[in-house]
């Protein structure tokens, strides 16, 4: 206002942001010259993410995370590459514990999102970590955690690394089905291994972690 940058009649609000990147159009200015200062590296909040991605359907908010479905069938790698452009805090859906998993699945059913097109998870089988070529070994979440086998989340008979082209049921994991998704063929919340070339719809999550702190 006319008194300067601080109001004399209203309480000042400050936001402290950890490690922002500050840049200016001119590094040094003289009298009557100007420069424009910009700030990047500001963490996005959950609402920022929702506002920026209207193409994603929010179907659940649970324990500080928000869960979305993209109603577009695509390969696992395409879904992974897409989420890389969404910024920090966004990932393909990864199961952290069984309570979260049940909450997510129940919301999927409640919103009638459990259609005929399966749902990708942030889960893949890494051949280098499956030296014995076993169907149920080498499965890791994108954050580096190994799939907890005690959860018993595989559908009966899965994973099986089945090769549709060769009708392959030789009992050896040869890398045909290396990606995880919800098995919607009447199996509910249980998981299935799936080939890269068959399209599914991606499930995404956003954890609204932010280092912005507000003060008065």
Protein backbone atom coordinates (compact mmCIF):
# COMPACT_ATOMS: atom_id res chain seq x y z
CA UNK A 1 0.00 0.00 0.00
CA UNK A 2 1.03 3.65 0.16
CA UNK A 3 2.99 2.97 3.36
CA UNK A 4 5.25 0.41 1.73
CA UNK A 5 5.45 -3.37 1.60
CA UNK A 6 3.95 -3.98 5.04
CA UNK A 7 0.43 -3.04 6.06
CA UNK A 8 0.07 -0.89 9.15
CA UNK A 9 -3.49 -2.10 9.75
CA UNK A 10 -3.39 -5.83 9.03
CA UNK A 11 -1.45 -8.77 10.46
CA UNK A 12 1.40 -9.80 8.22
CA UNK A 13 1.47 -13.39 6.97
CA UNK A 14 4.75 -15.03 6.02
CA UNK A 15 5.44 -18.33 4.27
CA UNK A 16 8.81 -19.96 4.72
CA UNK A 17 9.85 -22.28 1.88
CA UNK A 18 12.85 -24.58 2.24
CA UNK A 19 15.51 -24.35 -0.47
CA UNK A 20 13.68 -22.43 -3.20
CA UNK A 21 15.54 -21.55 -6.39
CA UNK A 22 15.64 -17.75 -6.79
CA UNK A 23 16.69 -16.20 -10.08
CA UNK A 24 16.68 -12.72 -11.58
CA UNK A 25 16.74 -11.34 -15.10
CA UNK A 26 19.70 -9.10 -14.21
CA UNK A 27 22.37 -10.04 -11.72
CA UNK A 28 23.30 -6.43 -11.01
CA UNK A 29 21.34 -3.20 -11.52
CA UNK A 30 22.10 0.48 -11.36
CA UNK A 31 19.87 3.45 -10.59
CA UNK A 32 16.72 3.51 -12.76
CA UNK A 33 17.29 -0.06 -13.97
CA UNK A 34 14.99 -2.94 -13.07
CA UNK A 35 15.13 -6.67 -12.64
CA UNK A 36 12.51 -9.41 -12.32
CA UNK A 37 12.96 -11.93 -9.52
CA UNK A 38 11.31 -15.34 -9.82
CA UNK A 39 11.09 -18.30 -7.46
CA UNK A 40 10.91 -21.96 -8.45
CA UNK A 41 11.22 -25.18 -6.49
CA UNK A 42 8.10 -24.39 -4.47
CA UNK A 43 6.55 -27.72 -3.40
CA UNK A 44 3.03 -28.39 -4.63
CA UNK A 45 0.23 -29.08 -2.23
CA UNK A 46 -2.49 -31.67 -2.75
CA UNK A 47 -4.88 -28.96 -3.93
CA UNK A 48 -2.27 -27.67 -6.37
CA UNK A 49 -2.00 -31.15 -7.84
CA UNK A 50 -5.79 -31.53 -8.10
CA UNK A 51 -6.16 -28.13 -9.77
CA UNK A 52 -3.33 -28.80 -12.23
CA UNK A 53 -4.65 -32.21 -13.34
CA UNK A 54 -8.40 -32.10 -14.00
CA UNK A 55 -7.94 -35.07 -16.33
CA UNK A 56 -7.37 -37.31 -13.29
CA UNK A 57 -10.34 -38.57 -11.30
CA UNK A 58 -9.84 -38.20 -7.55
CA UNK A 59 -11.54 -41.14 -5.87
CA UNK A 60 -10.04 -41.22 -2.36
CA UNK A 61 -8.22 -39.09 0.19
CA UNK A 62 -6.71 -41.23 2.92
CA UNK A 63 -4.06 -40.60 5.59
CA UNK A 64 -2.53 -37.60 3.87
CA UNK A 65 -2.49 -39.10 0.37
CA UNK A 66 -4.84 -38.65 -2.57
CA UNK A 67 -5.60 -41.39 -5.07
CA UNK A 68 -6.51 -40.85 -8.72
CA UNK A 69 -7.55 -42.83 -11.76
CA UNK A 70 -6.74 -41.80 -15.30
CA UNK A 71 -9.54 -43.07 -17.50
CA UNK A 72 -7.25 -43.91 -20.39
CA UNK A 73 -5.85 -47.32 -21.19
CA UNK A 74 -2.10 -47.33 -21.82
CA UNK A 75 0.96 -49.48 -21.33
CA UNK A 76 2.70 -49.62 -17.95
CA UNK A 77 5.75 -47.78 -19.25
CA UNK A 78 3.58 -45.04 -20.77
CA UNK A 79 1.81 -44.64 -17.42
CA UNK A 80 5.17 -44.46 -15.64
CA UNK A 81 6.58 -41.90 -18.09
CA UNK A 82 3.47 -39.76 -17.74
CA UNK A 83 3.69 -39.56 -13.96
CA UNK A 84 7.28 -38.33 -14.23
CA UNK A 85 5.93 -35.08 -15.65
CA UNK A 86 3.58 -34.49 -12.70
CA UNK A 87 6.20 -33.21 -10.28
CA UNK A 88 7.35 -34.14 -6.79
CA UNK A 89 4.92 -36.04 -4.59
CA UNK A 90 3.23 -37.90 -7.46
CA UNK A 91 3.72 -41.59 -8.21
CA UNK A 92 1.97 -44.65 -9.51
CA UNK A 93 -0.07 -46.26 -6.72
CA UNK A 94 2.08 -48.28 -4.32
CA UNK A 95 0.64 -50.33 -1.46
CA UNK A 96 2.15 -49.37 1.90
CA UNK A 97 0.07 -51.62 4.14
CA UNK A 98 -3.05 -53.75 4.00
CA UNK A 99 -5.32 -51.17 5.62
CA UNK A 100 -4.44 -48.66 2.94
CA UNK A 101 -4.90 -51.30 0.26
CA UNK A 102 -8.38 -52.19 1.50
CA UNK A 103 -9.35 -48.50 1.69
CA UNK A 104 -8.21 -47.89 -1.88
CA UNK A 105 -9.97 -50.97 -3.23
CA UNK A 106 -13.21 -50.20 -1.38
CA UNK A 107 -13.17 -46.68 -2.85
CA UNK A 108 -12.61 -48.11 -6.34
CA UNK A 109 -15.67 -50.32 -5.93
CA UNK A 110 -17.77 -47.56 -4.38
CA UNK A 111 -17.02 -45.23 -7.31
CA UNK A 112 -17.74 -48.03 -9.84
CA UNK A 113 -14.20 -47.83 -11.23
CA UNK A 114 -13.65 -51.59 -11.21
CA UNK A 115 -14.60 -52.02 -14.86
CA UNK A 116 -13.30 -54.44 -17.47
CA UNK A 117 -10.04 -52.56 -18.08
CA UNK A 118 -7.52 -53.43 -15.33
CA UNK A 119 -5.66 -50.92 -13.17
CA UNK A 120 -1.89 -50.51 -13.19
CA UNK A 121 0.08 -50.33 -9.95
CA UNK A 122 3.57 -48.99 -9.31
CA UNK A 123 4.82 -52.58 -9.11
CA UNK A 124 7.19 -54.39 -11.45
CA UNK A 125 9.32 -57.50 -11.55
CA UNK A 126 13.04 -56.83 -11.95
CA UNK A 127 14.79 -59.72 -13.78
CA UNK A 128 18.18 -58.87 -12.26
CA UNK A 129 16.69 -59.49 -8.80
CA UNK A 130 15.05 -62.75 -9.84
CA UNK A 131 18.08 -64.94 -10.47
CA UNK A 132 16.12 -68.15 -9.83
CA UNK A 133 13.51 -67.17 -12.45
CA UNK A 134 10.65 -67.68 -10.02
CA UNK A 135 7.22 -66.22 -10.73
CA UNK A 136 6.83 -64.62 -7.29
CA UNK A 137 10.35 -63.28 -6.78
CA UNK A 138 11.92 -59.98 -7.81
CA UNK A 139 8.72 -57.92 -7.39
CA UNK A 140 9.45 -54.37 -6.21
CA UNK A 141 7.55 -51.13 -5.74
CA UNK A 142 8.88 -48.06 -7.49
CA UNK A 143 10.18 -46.64 -4.19
CA UNK A 144 12.50 -49.66 -3.83
CA UNK A 145 10.48 -51.74 -1.35
CA UNK A 146 10.08 -55.42 -2.07
CA UNK A 147 6.50 -56.71 -2.27
CA UNK A 148 5.69 -58.23 1.13
CA UNK A 149 4.83 -61.88 0.44
CA UNK A 150 3.08 -62.17 3.82
CA UNK A 151 0.30 -59.92 2.48
CA UNK A 152 -0.87 -62.79 0.23
CA UNK A 153 -2.24 -60.38 -2.35
CA UNK A 154 -1.66 -62.46 -5.48
CA UNK A 155 -4.78 -63.96 -7.03
CA UNK A 156 -4.90 -67.78 -7.06
CA UNK A 157 -2.53 -69.04 -9.74
CA UNK A 158 -0.82 -65.68 -10.06
CA UNK A 159 1.80 -64.60 -10.86
CA UNK A 160 2.45 -67.06 -13.67
CA UNK A 161 4.36 -65.10 -16.37
CA UNK A 162 1.98 -66.45 -18.97
CA UNK A 163 2.93 -65.83 -22.60
CA UNK A 164 -0.23 -65.27 -24.63
CA UNK A 165 1.58 -65.57 -27.96
CA UNK A 166 3.18 -68.93 -27.25
CA UNK A 167 0.53 -70.21 -24.82
CA UNK A 168 3.52 -70.57 -22.51
CA UNK A 169 2.98 -72.48 -19.27
CA UNK A 170 6.45 -73.98 -18.86
CA UNK A 171 6.85 -72.96 -15.20
CA UNK A 172 9.82 -70.67 -15.90
CA UNK A 173 9.72 -66.90 -15.52
CA UNK A 174 11.11 -65.58 -18.79
CA UNK A 175 10.04 -61.93 -18.37
CA UNK A 176 6.78 -62.05 -20.30
CA UNK A 177 4.60 -60.57 -17.53
CA UNK A 178 6.69 -58.19 -15.44
CA UNK A 179 4.12 -55.60 -14.34
CA UNK A 180 1.55 -55.65 -11.54
CA UNK A 181 -2.10 -54.62 -11.64
CA UNK A 182 -5.42 -55.27 -9.95
CA UNK A 183 -6.90 -58.49 -11.27
CA UNK A 184 -10.46 -57.42 -12.05
CA UNK A 185 -11.70 -60.74 -13.44
CA UNK A 186 -13.87 -61.37 -10.38
CA UNK A 187 -10.85 -61.43 -8.11
CA UNK A 188 -11.48 -58.12 -6.38
CA UNK A 189 -8.53 -56.54 -4.62
CA UNK A 190 -6.03 -59.25 -5.56
CA UNK A 191 -3.12 -58.76 -7.92
CA UNK A 192 -2.08 -60.23 -11.24
CA UNK A 193 1.09 -60.05 -13.31
CA UNK A 194 0.55 -58.57 -16.75
CA UNK A 195 2.49 -57.96 -19.97
CA UNK A 196 3.70 -54.53 -20.95
CA UNK A 197 1.99 -54.52 -24.34
CA UNK A 198 -1.57 -54.94 -23.00
CA UNK A 199 -3.12 -51.62 -21.97
CA UNK A 200 -4.54 -50.89 -18.53
CA UNK A 201 -5.67 -47.72 -16.76
CA UNK A 202 -3.12 -46.20 -14.36
CA UNK A 203 -3.76 -45.55 -10.70
CA UNK A 204 -1.82 -42.57 -9.37
CA UNK A 205 -1.31 -41.20 -5.88
CA UNK A 206 -0.15 -37.86 -4.59
CA UNK A 207 1.30 -37.36 -1.14
CA UNK A 208 0.80 -33.73 -0.26
CA UNK A 209 4.07 -33.40 1.56
CA UNK A 210 5.25 -29.82 1.58
CA UNK A 211 7.95 -27.83 3.33
CA UNK A 212 5.93 -24.62 3.18
CA UNK A 213 5.31 -23.37 6.73
CA UNK A 214 2.88 -20.55 7.41
CA UNK A 215 3.28 -17.97 10.19
CA UNK A 216 1.49 -14.88 11.38
